[in-house]
Amino acid sequence: MKFSIIIPVYNTEKYLKRCIESVLNQTYQNFEIIIINDGSKDKSEEILKNYETNTKIKIIKQINHGVSYSRNVGIQKAKGDYIIFLDSDDLLEKDLLETINKNTNNEDMIKFSYCDLKNNEKIKRGTITFNNLTGKEAFKKLVESKTMFEMAWLYAYKKSYMQKYKFEIGKYHEDLGLIPLMINKTKSITSINYNGYIYNRDNETSITSYTGDKKEYKKALDVLYFFKKIKSQEKDKYLLSFYANAVILKESSLSGENKKEYSKEIKKEKIYNYILDNTIKRKIKKIIIKAKYIFTK
């Protein structure tokens, strides 16, 4: 088995069939699909019943635990050499697996690009490229490109490498909590210049969509949590700068008292001190950001 496609499902009846069919219709057919029905309350389970006899598909039903738990279940069940995560409202281009298979050489992580899907129109998005680099080299390039978040679905992962890690349960931005660390620690990473993942911008109920002040605050606190966790475990200046920038960027999604409290946490932890200042431009940026928090009550 070459690929294991892991699809967590929660209340995506509108998009689910299209998602599954985009995998079944791949030009490269050496794969399995692991679908975790995470306590869906809509017609998702009814749709999944139509695929129960398909030998390429394994369906796991569970009570609702969230996307991290579901992905972890899929990782442990995977039989493929490589794992790919697919959100159940998104799609794969029909030749993504074939393209990956033709352009890789046993790397731990393989990056590809994506398209935004909005009103049935696909908009190609660029992404930073890695050409057979070590994780340290790739992560330095990632930081220098000003990338702030890396999604789990942007990569194919060697199973033996992926199974060393787990997504943290009960947290928003679970990708942020894991993928940068995996990139930084890998021995081999590469990329292919192909927009093979299709991200559905039409699904306004997606977890990455705006969810109101209360949830936005929880998301921001979870980004702060991941920064603190990484800081306690790692000393790599590029990794810490990546997380520090993510924390500060997240403040812009808040307002009112939530923003004030979050700002106090940034000031208390002196997170601005972890921003890279190895160029004149970065030194100036760091001074400005630091001054903002120091002189804010």
C-alpha atoms as a PDB file:
ATOM      1  CA  MET A   1       0.000   0.000   0.000  1.00  0.00           C
ATOM      2  CA  LYS A   2       1.491   3.346  -1.046  1.00  0.00           C
ATOM      3  CA  PHE A   3      -0.920   5.928   0.396  1.00  0.00           C
ATOM      4  CA  SER A   4      -3.347   6.109   3.308  1.00  0.00           C
ATOM      5  CA  ILE A   5      -5.817   8.982   2.957  1.00  0.00           C
ATOM      6  CA  ILE A   6      -7.253   9.916   6.371  1.00  0.00           C
ATOM      7  CA  ILE A   7     -10.607  11.727   6.334  1.00  0.00           C
ATOM      8  CA  PRO A   8     -12.173  12.836   9.642  1.00  0.00           C
ATOM      9  CA  VAL A   9     -15.902  13.481   9.151  1.00  0.00           C
ATOM     10  CA  TYR A  10     -18.180  15.679  11.221  1.00  0.00           C
ATOM     11  CA  ASN A  11     -21.442  17.025   9.794  1.00  0.00           C
ATOM     12  CA  THR A  12     -20.288  17.597   6.208  1.00  0.00           C
ATOM     13  CA  GLU A  13     -23.126  15.902   4.339  1.00  0.00           C
ATOM     14  CA  LYS A  14     -23.158  18.621   1.695  1.00  0.00           C
ATOM     15  CA  TYR A  15     -19.577  17.947   0.596  1.00  0.00           C
ATOM     16  CA  LEU A  16     -18.796  14.412   1.745  1.00  0.00           C
ATOM     17  CA  LYS A  17     -19.585  12.410  -1.374  1.00  0.00           C
ATOM     18  CA  ARG A  18     -17.634  14.810  -3.570  1.00  0.00           C
ATOM     19  CA  CYS A  19     -14.672  14.533  -1.187  1.00  0.00           C
ATOM     20  CA  ILE A  20     -14.612  10.719  -1.201  1.00  0.00           C
ATOM     21  CA  GLU A  21     -15.104  10.491  -4.954  1.00  0.00           C
ATOM     22  CA  SER A  22     -12.135  12.806  -5.535  1.00  0.00           C
ATOM     23  CA  VAL A  23      -9.952  10.127  -3.925  1.00  0.00           C
ATOM     24  CA  LEU A  24     -11.618   7.121  -5.552  1.00  0.00           C
ATOM     25  CA  ASN A  25     -11.124   8.747  -8.965  1.00  0.00           C
ATOM     26  CA  GLN A  26      -7.362   9.181  -8.566  1.00  0.00           C
ATOM     27  CA  THR A  27      -5.274   8.200 -11.595  1.00  0.00           C
ATOM     28  CA  TYR A  28      -2.958   6.326  -9.198  1.00  0.00           C
ATOM     29  CA  GLN A  29      -4.932   3.611  -7.433  1.00  0.00           C
ATOM     30  CA  ASN A  30      -2.561   2.117  -4.853  1.00  0.00           C
ATOM     31  CA  PHE A  31      -4.203   3.647  -1.794  1.00  0.00           C
ATOM     32  CA  GLU A  32      -6.622   3.113   1.071  1.00  0.00           C
ATOM     33  CA  ILE A  33      -9.122   5.575   2.524  1.00  0.00           C
ATOM     34  CA  ILE A  34      -9.638   5.673   6.276  1.00  0.00           C
ATOM     35  CA  ILE A  35     -12.789   7.580   7.192  1.00  0.00           C
ATOM     36  CA  ILE A  36     -13.448   8.434  10.834  1.00  0.00           C
ATOM     37  CA  ASN A  37     -17.072   9.429  11.428  1.00  0.00           C
ATOM     38  CA  ASP A  38     -16.618  11.598  14.479  1.00  0.00           C
ATOM     39  CA  GLY A  39     -20.166  11.498  15.864  1.00  0.00           C
ATOM     40  CA  SER A  40     -21.840  13.251  12.927  1.00  0.00           C
ATOM     41  CA  LYS A  41     -25.449  14.281  13.590  1.00  0.00           C
ATOM     42  CA  ASP A  42     -26.441  15.063   9.997  1.00  0.00           C
ATOM     43  CA  LYS A  43     -26.765  12.656   7.059  1.00  0.00           C
ATOM     44  CA  SER A  44     -23.028  11.946   6.830  1.00  0.00           C
ATOM     45  CA  GLU A  45     -23.456   8.438   8.246  1.00  0.00           C
ATOM     46  CA  GLU A  46     -26.168   7.690   5.701  1.00  0.00           C
ATOM     47  CA  ILE A  47     -23.844   8.769   2.900  1.00  0.00           C
ATOM     48  CA  LEU A  48     -21.013   6.631   4.288  1.00  0.00           C
ATOM     49  CA  LYS A  49     -23.215   3.524   4.208  1.00  0.00           C
ATOM     50  CA  ASN A  50     -22.993   3.652   0.412  1.00  0.00           C
ATOM     51  CA  TYR A  51     -19.247   2.988   0.687  1.00  0.00           C
ATOM     52  CA  GLU A  52     -19.266   0.167   3.243  1.00  0.00           C
ATOM     53  CA  THR A  53     -18.647  -2.532   0.621  1.00  0.00           C
ATOM     54  CA  ASN A  54     -15.810  -0.667  -1.095  1.00  0.00           C
ATOM     55  CA  THR A  55     -12.614  -2.590  -0.348  1.00  0.00           C
ATOM     56  CA  LYS A  56     -10.498   0.563  -0.566  1.00  0.00           C
ATOM     57  CA  ILE A  57     -12.415   2.210   2.257  1.00  0.00           C
ATOM     58  CA  LYS A  58     -12.321   1.569   5.988  1.00  0.00           C
ATOM     59  CA  ILE A  59     -15.018   3.395   7.981  1.00  0.00           C
ATOM     60  CA  ILE A  60     -14.593   3.931  11.711  1.00  0.00           C
ATOM     61  CA  LYS A  61     -17.496   5.220  13.788  1.00  0.00           C
ATOM     62  CA  GLN A  62     -16.931   6.939  17.116  1.00  0.00           C
ATOM     63  CA  ILE A  63     -18.502   9.468  19.467  1.00  0.00           C
ATOM     64  CA  ASN A  64     -17.418  13.029  18.900  1.00  0.00           C
ATOM     65  CA  HIS A  65     -13.823  13.617  20.010  1.00  0.00           C
ATOM     66  CA  GLY A  66     -12.657  16.250  17.526  1.00  0.00           C
ATOM     67  CA  VAL A  67     -10.386  16.308  14.504  1.00  0.00           C
ATOM     68  CA  SER A  68      -7.131  15.671  16.412  1.00  0.00           C
ATOM     69  CA  TYR A  69      -8.419  12.477  17.998  1.00  0.00           C
ATOM     70  CA  SER A  70      -9.815  11.318  14.649  1.00  0.00           C
ATOM     71  CA  ARG A  71      -6.539  11.929  12.839  1.00  0.00           C
ATOM     72  CA  ASN A  72      -4.626  10.072  15.552  1.00  0.00           C
ATOM     73  CA  VAL A  73      -6.947   7.077  15.142  1.00  0.00           C
ATOM     74  CA  GLY A  74      -6.366   7.151  11.391  1.00  0.00           C
ATOM     75  CA  ILE A  75      -2.589   7.352  11.812  1.00  0.00           C
ATOM     76  CA  GLN A  76      -2.547   4.205  13.942  1.00  0.00           C
ATOM     77  CA  LYS A  77      -4.782   2.309  11.491  1.00  0.00           C
ATOM     78  CA  ALA A  78      -2.844   3.362   8.376  1.00  0.00           C
ATOM     79  CA  LYS A  79      -1.168   0.669   6.259  1.00  0.00           C
ATOM     80  CA  GLY A  80       0.239   2.878   3.516  1.00  0.00           C
ATOM     81  CA  ASP A  81       3.840   3.983   3.175  1.00  0.00           C
ATOM     82  CA  TYR A  82       2.625   7.585   3.188  1.00  0.00           C
ATOM     83  CA  ILE A  83      -0.208   9.358   4.996  1.00  0.00           C
ATOM     84  CA  ILE A  84      -2.231  12.267   3.611  1.00  0.00           C
ATOM     85  CA  PHE A  85      -4.870  14.165   5.586  1.00  0.00           C
ATOM     86  CA  LEU A  86      -7.995  15.295   3.770  1.00  0.00           C
ATOM     87  CA  ASP A  87     -10.742  17.392   5.359  1.00  0.00           C
ATOM     88  CA  SER A  88     -14.172  16.020   4.495  1.00  0.00           C
ATOM     89  CA  ASP A  89     -15.336  19.251   2.830  1.00  0.00           C
ATOM     90  CA  ASP A  90     -12.256  19.486   0.599  1.00  0.00           C
ATOM     91  CA  LEU A  91     -11.027  17.667  -2.534  1.00  0.00           C
ATOM     92  CA  LEU A  92      -7.944  16.227  -4.190  1.00  0.00           C
ATOM     93  CA  GLU A  93      -7.008  16.833  -7.799  1.00  0.00           C
ATOM     94  CA  LYS A  94      -7.356  13.525  -9.634  1.00  0.00           C
ATOM     95  CA  ASP A  95      -3.622  13.091 -10.285  1.00  0.00           C
ATOM     96  CA  LEU A  96      -2.218  14.265  -6.955  1.00  0.00           C
ATOM     97  CA  LEU A  97      -1.214  10.786  -5.789  1.00  0.00           C
ATOM     98  CA  GLU A  98       0.362   9.963  -9.150  1.00  0.00           C
ATOM     99  CA  THR A  99       2.295  13.236  -9.104  1.00  0.00           C
ATOM    100  CA  ILE A 100       3.596  12.609  -5.591  1.00  0.00           C
ATOM    101  CA  ASN A 101       4.545   9.043  -6.466  1.00  0.00           C
ATOM    102  CA  LYS A 102       6.561  10.136  -9.502  1.00  0.00           C
ATOM    103  CA  ASN A 103       8.431  12.956  -7.820  1.00  0.00           C
ATOM    104  CA  THR A 104       9.564  11.641  -4.469  1.00  0.00           C
ATOM    105  CA  ASN A 105      12.423   9.539  -3.169  1.00  0.00           C
ATOM    106  CA  ASN A 106      11.522   8.188   0.272  1.00  0.00           C
ATOM    107  CA  GLU A 107      11.540  11.566   2.052  1.00  0.00           C
ATOM    108  CA  ASP A 108       9.893  11.904   5.466  1.00  0.00           C
ATOM    109  CA  MET A 109       7.680  14.773   4.313  1.00  0.00           C
ATOM    110  CA  ILE A 110       6.533  15.857   0.859  1.00  0.00           C
ATOM    111  CA  LYS A 111       4.962  19.273   0.422  1.00  0.00           C
ATOM    112  CA  PHE A 112       2.533  20.262  -2.319  1.00  0.00           C
ATOM    113  CA  SER A 113       0.499  23.367  -3.119  1.00  0.00           C
ATOM    114  CA  TYR A 114      -3.244  23.991  -3.026  1.00  0.00           C
ATOM    115  CA  CYS A 115      -6.124  25.837  -4.646  1.00  0.00           C
ATOM    116  CA  ASP A 116      -8.881  27.818  -2.975  1.00  0.00           C
ATOM    117  CA  LEU A 117     -12.318  26.768  -4.210  1.00  0.00           C
ATOM    118  CA  LYS A 118     -14.810  29.624  -4.142  1.00  0.00           C
ATOM    119  CA  ASN A 119     -18.100  29.610  -6.069  1.00  0.00           C
ATOM    120  CA  ASN A 120     -16.811  26.651  -8.134  1.00  0.00           C
ATOM    121  CA  GLU A 121     -13.755  28.627  -9.194  1.00  0.00           C
ATOM    122  CA  LYS A 122     -10.288  27.311  -8.342  1.00  0.00           C
ATOM    123  CA  ILE A 123      -7.652  29.874  -7.427  1.00  0.00           C
ATOM    124  CA  LYS A 124      -4.085  28.578  -7.296  1.00  0.00           C
ATOM    125  CA  ARG A 125      -2.078  29.496  -4.238  1.00  0.00           C
ATOM    126  CA  GLY A 126       1.689  29.557  -4.158  1.00  0.00           C
ATOM    127  CA  THR A 127       3.752  27.996  -1.416  1.00  0.00           C
ATOM    128  CA  ILE A 128       7.350  27.879  -0.282  1.00  0.00           C
ATOM    129  CA  THR A 129       9.348  25.060  -1.916  1.00  0.00           C
ATOM    130  CA  PHE A 130      11.810  22.614  -0.406  1.00  0.00           C
ATOM    131  CA  ASN A 131      14.222  20.796  -2.700  1.00  0.00           C
ATOM    132  CA  ASN A 132      15.536  17.753  -0.813  1.00  0.00           C
ATOM    133  CA  LEU A 133      16.465  19.660   2.323  1.00  0.00           C
ATOM    134  CA  THR A 134      16.996  18.733   5.934  1.00  0.00           C
ATOM    135  CA  GLY A 135      14.292  19.847   8.334  1.00  0.00           C
ATOM    136  CA  LYS A 136      16.477  22.613   9.791  1.00  0.00           C
ATOM    137  CA  GLU A 137      17.209  23.985   6.321  1.00  0.00           C
ATOM    138  CA  ALA A 138      13.558  23.807   5.311  1.00  0.00           C
ATOM    139  CA  PHE A 139      12.293  25.440   8.472  1.00  0.00           C
ATOM    140  CA  LYS A 140      14.750  28.309   8.173  1.00  0.00           C
ATOM    141  CA  LYS A 141      13.489  28.880   4.644  1.00  0.00           C
ATOM    142  CA  LEU A 142       9.900  28.708   5.897  1.00  0.00           C
ATOM    143  CA  VAL A 143      10.501  31.374   8.528  1.00  0.00           C
ATOM    144  CA  GLU A 144      12.363  33.629   6.126  1.00  0.00           C
ATOM    145  CA  SER A 145       9.413  33.426   3.713  1.00  0.00           C
ATOM    146  CA  LYS A 146       7.200  34.923   6.471  1.00  0.00           C
ATOM    147  CA  THR A 147       4.937  31.873   6.505  1.00  0.00           C
ATOM    148  CA  MET A 148       2.825  31.904   9.674  1.00  0.00           C
ATOM    149  CA  PHE A 149       0.807  28.697   9.592  1.00  0.00           C
ATOM    150  CA  GLU A 150       1.391  25.315   7.923  1.00  0.00           C
ATOM    151  CA  MET A 151      -1.657  23.096   7.460  1.00  0.00           C
ATOM    152  CA  ALA A 152      -1.447  19.335   7.979  1.00  0.00           C
ATOM    153  CA  TRP A 153      -3.135  18.730   4.614  1.00  0.00           C
ATOM    154  CA  LEU A 154      -0.270  20.387   2.713  1.00  0.00           C
ATOM    155  CA  TYR A 155       1.984  17.353   3.123  1.00  0.00           C
ATOM    156  CA  ALA A 156       2.329  13.641   2.544  1.00  0.00           C
ATOM    157  CA  TYR A 157       4.075  12.027   5.522  1.00  0.00           C
ATOM    158  CA  LYS A 158       6.077   8.843   5.653  1.00  0.00           C
ATOM    159  CA  LYS A 159       4.054   6.651   7.991  1.00  0.00           C
ATOM    160  CA  SER A 160       7.074   5.575  10.027  1.00  0.00           C
ATOM    161  CA  TYR A 161       7.809   9.254  10.710  1.00  0.00           C
ATOM    162  CA  MET A 162       4.209  10.362  11.263  1.00  0.00           C
ATOM    163  CA  GLN A 163       3.574   7.639  13.815  1.00  0.00           C
ATOM    164  CA  LYS A 164       6.191   9.171  16.111  1.00  0.00           C
ATOM    165  CA  TYR A 165       3.842  12.090  16.692  1.00  0.00           C
ATOM    166  CA  LYS A 166       0.263  12.844  17.723  1.00  0.00           C
ATOM    167  CA  PHE A 167      -2.060  15.791  17.258  1.00  0.00           C
ATOM    168  CA  GLU A 168      -2.979  17.329  20.584  1.00  0.00           C
ATOM    169  CA  ILE A 169      -6.592  16.647  21.542  1.00  0.00           C
ATOM    170  CA  GLY A 170      -8.952  19.424  22.610  1.00  0.00           C
ATOM    171  CA  LYS A 171      -7.062  22.303  21.007  1.00  0.00           C
ATOM    172  CA  TYR A 172      -7.802  24.586  18.079  1.00  0.00           C
ATOM    173  CA  HIS A 173      -5.014  25.119  15.532  1.00  0.00           C
ATOM    174  CA  GLU A 174      -3.817  21.579  16.133  1.00  0.00           C
ATOM    175  CA  ASP A 175      -1.782  21.824  12.919  1.00  0.00           C
ATOM    176  CA  LEU A 176       0.240  24.700  14.370  1.00  0.00           C
ATOM    177  CA  GLY A 177       0.941  22.614  17.443  1.00  0.00           C
ATOM    178  CA  LEU A 178       2.574  19.817  15.458  1.00  0.00           C
ATOM    179  CA  ILE A 179       3.504  20.438  11.812  1.00  0.00           C
ATOM    180  CA  PRO A 180       6.213  23.112  12.350  1.00  0.00           C
ATOM    181  CA  LEU A 181       7.882  20.858  14.906  1.00  0.00           C
ATOM    182  CA  MET A 182       7.769  17.898  12.499  1.00  0.00           C
ATOM    183  CA  ILE A 183       9.292  19.986   9.718  1.00  0.00           C
ATOM    184  CA  ASN A 184      12.074  21.207  11.978  1.00  0.00           C
ATOM    185  CA  LYS A 185      12.986  17.731  13.200  1.00  0.00           C
ATOM    186  CA  THR A 186      12.772  15.756   9.961  1.00  0.00           C
ATOM    187  CA  LYS A 187      15.899  14.418   8.273  1.00  0.00           C
ATOM    188  CA  SER A 188      14.476  14.812   4.752  1.00  0.00           C
ATOM    189  CA  ILE A 189      11.815  16.994   3.191  1.00  0.00           C
ATOM    190  CA  THR A 190      11.030  17.994  -0.379  1.00  0.00           C
ATOM    191  CA  SER A 191       8.231  19.628  -2.350  1.00  0.00           C
ATOM    192  CA  ILE A 192       6.482  19.300  -5.674  1.00  0.00           C
ATOM    193  CA  ASN A 193       5.269  22.293  -7.616  1.00  0.00           C
ATOM    194  CA  TYR A 194       1.690  21.133  -7.991  1.00  0.00           C
ATOM    195  CA  ASN A 195      -1.594  22.563  -6.695  1.00  0.00           C
ATOM    196  CA  GLY A 196      -3.074  19.205  -5.800  1.00  0.00           C
ATOM    197  CA  TYR A 197      -5.218  19.985  -2.763  1.00  0.00           C
ATOM    198  CA  ILE A 198      -8.485  21.897  -3.176  1.00  0.00           C
ATOM    199  CA  TYR A 199      -9.524  23.877  -0.098  1.00  0.00           C
ATOM    200  CA  ASN A 200     -13.251  24.587   0.068  1.00  0.00           C
ATOM    201  CA  ARG A 201     -13.788  28.259   0.871  1.00  0.00           C
ATOM    202  CA  ASP A 202     -17.557  27.899   0.417  1.00  0.00           C
ATOM    203  CA  ASN A 203     -18.028  25.976   3.660  1.00  0.00           C
ATOM    204  CA  GLU A 204     -18.729  28.707   6.201  1.00  0.00           C
ATOM    205  CA  THR A 205     -19.102  26.147   9.002  1.00  0.00           C
ATOM    206  CA  SER A 206     -15.499  25.015   8.621  1.00  0.00           C
ATOM    207  CA  ILE A 207     -13.451  25.097  11.822  1.00  0.00           C
ATOM    208  CA  THR A 208     -11.087  27.575  10.163  1.00  0.00           C
ATOM    209  CA  SER A 209     -13.909  30.030   9.466  1.00  0.00           C
ATOM    210  CA  TYR A 210     -14.797  32.866  11.843  1.00  0.00           C
ATOM    211  CA  THR A 211     -16.645  31.411  14.834  1.00  0.00           C
ATOM    212  CA  GLY A 212     -17.462  34.391  17.043  1.00  0.00           C
ATOM    213  CA  ASP A 213     -15.598  36.228  19.796  1.00  0.00           C
ATOM    214  CA  LYS A 214     -15.677  33.427  22.378  1.00  0.00           C
ATOM    215  CA  LYS A 215     -14.208  30.789  20.076  1.00  0.00           C
ATOM    216  CA  GLU A 216     -11.747  33.235  18.528  1.00  0.00           C
ATOM    217  CA  TYR A 217     -10.434  33.918  22.008  1.00  0.00           C
ATOM    218  CA  LYS A 218     -10.141  30.188  22.687  1.00  0.00           C
ATOM    219  CA  LYS A 219      -8.244  29.760  19.408  1.00  0.00           C
ATOM    220  CA  ALA A 220      -5.868  32.574  20.372  1.00  0.00           C
ATOM    221  CA  LEU A 221      -5.264  31.052  23.802  1.00  0.00           C
ATOM    222  CA  ASP A 222      -4.490  27.720  22.161  1.00  0.00           C
ATOM    223  CA  VAL A 223      -1.878  29.378  19.925  1.00  0.00           C
ATOM    224  CA  LEU A 224      -0.378  30.855  23.103  1.00  0.00           C
ATOM    225  CA  TYR A 225      -0.487  27.408  24.708  1.00  0.00           C
ATOM    226  CA  PHE A 226       1.481  25.882  21.817  1.00  0.00           C
ATOM    227  CA  PHE A 227       4.095  28.632  22.067  1.00  0.00           C
ATOM    228  CA  LYS A 228       4.600  27.931  25.775  1.00  0.00           C
ATOM    229  CA  LYS A 229       4.793  24.207  25.144  1.00  0.00           C
ATOM    230  CA  ILE A 230       7.405  24.552  22.405  1.00  0.00           C
ATOM    231  CA  LYS A 231       9.393  27.036  24.495  1.00  0.00           C
ATOM    232  CA  SER A 232       9.610  24.521  27.328  1.00  0.00           C
ATOM    233  CA  GLN A 233      10.906  21.793  25.002  1.00  0.00           C
ATOM    234  CA  GLU A 234      12.927  23.442  22.237  1.00  0.00           C
ATOM    235  CA  LYS A 235      15.709  26.020  21.958  1.00  0.00           C
ATOM    236  CA  ASP A 236      15.817  26.464  18.181  1.00  0.00           C
ATOM    237  CA  LYS A 237      15.577  30.221  17.525  1.00  0.00           C
ATOM    238  CA  TYR A 238      13.785  29.831  14.195  1.00  0.00           C
ATOM    239  CA  LEU A 239      11.173  27.525  15.703  1.00  0.00           C
ATOM    240  CA  LEU A 240      10.554  29.868  18.647  1.00  0.00           C
ATOM    241  CA  SER A 241      10.346  32.881  16.346  1.00  0.00           C
ATOM    242  CA  PHE A 242       7.781  31.081  14.194  1.00  0.00           C
ATOM    243  CA  TYR A 243       5.535  30.445  17.208  1.00  0.00           C
ATOM    244  CA  ALA A 244       6.089  33.929  18.652  1.00  0.00           C
ATOM    245  CA  ASN A 245       4.975  35.516  15.398  1.00  0.00           C
ATOM    246  CA  ALA A 246       1.921  33.233  15.309  1.00  0.00           C
ATOM    247  CA  VAL A 247       0.917  34.376  18.810  1.00  0.00           C
ATOM    248  CA  ILE A 248       1.294  38.060  17.969  1.00  0.00           C
ATOM    249  CA  LEU A 249      -0.501  37.680  14.640  1.00  0.00           C
ATOM    250  CA  LYS A 250      -3.440  35.980  16.360  1.00  0.00           C
ATOM    251  CA  GLU A 251      -4.066  39.068  18.462  1.00  0.00           C
ATOM    252  CA  SER A 252      -5.470  40.831  15.377  1.00  0.00           C
ATOM    253  CA  SER A 253      -8.477  38.453  15.374  1.00  0.00           C
ATOM    254  CA  LEU A 254      -9.575  39.646  18.823  1.00  0.00           C
ATOM    255  CA  SER A 255     -11.396  42.700  20.126  1.00  0.00           C
ATOM    256  CA  GLY A 256     -12.486  44.331  23.374  1.00  0.00           C
ATOM    257  CA  GLU A 257     -11.592  42.733  26.712  1.00  0.00           C
ATOM    258  CA  ASN A 258     -10.411  39.526  25.051  1.00  0.00           C
ATOM    259  CA  LYS A 259      -7.792  41.470  23.119  1.00  0.00           C
ATOM    260  CA  LYS A 260      -6.671  43.316  26.260  1.00  0.00           C
ATOM    261  CA  GLU A 261      -6.260  40.094  28.237  1.00  0.00           C
ATOM    262  CA  TYR A 262      -4.421  38.408  25.384  1.00  0.00           C
ATOM    263  CA  SER A 263      -2.106  41.392  25.035  1.00  0.00           C
ATOM    264  CA  LYS A 264      -1.333  41.166  28.760  1.00  0.00           C
ATOM    265  CA  GLU A 265      -0.296  37.532  28.290  1.00  0.00           C
ATOM    266  CA  ILE A 266       2.030  38.452  25.429  1.00  0.00           C
ATOM    267  CA  LYS A 267       3.584  41.144  27.617  1.00  0.00           C
ATOM    268  CA  LYS A 268       3.832  38.848  30.643  1.00  0.00           C
ATOM    269  CA  GLU A 269       5.601  36.118  28.644  1.00  0.00           C
ATOM    270  CA  LYS A 270       7.728  38.705  26.771  1.00  0.00           C
ATOM    271  CA  ILE A 271       6.957  36.819  23.579  1.00  0.00           C
ATOM    272  CA  TYR A 272       8.307  39.651  21.433  1.00  0.00           C
ATOM    273  CA  ASN A 273      11.812  38.775  22.681  1.00  0.00           C
ATOM    274  CA  TYR A 274      11.678  35.543  20.680  1.00  0.00           C
ATOM    275  CA  ILE A 275      11.195  37.239  17.303  1.00  0.00           C
ATOM    276  CA  LEU A 276      14.249  36.946  15.059  1.00  0.00           C
ATOM    277  CA  ASP A 277      16.363  40.084  14.711  1.00  0.00           C
ATOM    278  CA  ASN A 278      19.155  38.820  12.452  1.00  0.00           C
ATOM    279  CA  THR A 279      18.624  41.512   9.786  1.00  0.00           C
ATOM    280  CA  ILE A 280      18.200  45.286   9.967  1.00  0.00           C
ATOM    281  CA  LYS A 281      14.580  44.995   8.857  1.00  0.00           C
ATOM    282  CA  ARG A 282      13.832  42.399  11.525  1.00  0.00           C
ATOM    283  CA  LYS A 283      15.580  44.446  14.210  1.00  0.00           C
ATOM    284  CA  ILE A 284      13.355  47.418  13.402  1.00  0.00           C
ATOM    285  CA  LYS A 285      10.237  45.231  13.364  1.00  0.00           C
ATOM    286  CA  LYS A 286      11.151  43.732  16.729  1.00  0.00           C
ATOM    287  CA  ILE A 287      11.753  47.150  18.297  1.00  0.00           C
ATOM    288  CA  ILE A 288       8.364  48.398  17.086  1.00  0.00           C
ATOM    289  CA  ILE A 289       6.494  45.314  18.327  1.00  0.00           C
ATOM    290  CA  LYS A 290       8.318  45.322  21.652  1.00  0.00           C
ATOM    291  CA  ALA A 291       7.590  49.014  22.205  1.00  0.00           C
ATOM    292  CA  LYS A 292       3.897  48.457  21.493  1.00  0.00           C
ATOM    293  CA  TYR A 293       3.560  46.016  24.382  1.00  0.00           C
ATOM    294  CA  ILE A 294       5.949  47.675  26.820  1.00  0.00           C
ATOM    295  CA  PHE A 295       4.154  51.015  26.625  1.00  0.00           C
ATOM    296  CA  THR A 296       0.651  49.516  26.675  1.00  0.00           C
ATOM    297  CA  LYS A 297      -1.048  49.391  30.078  1.00  0.00           C
END
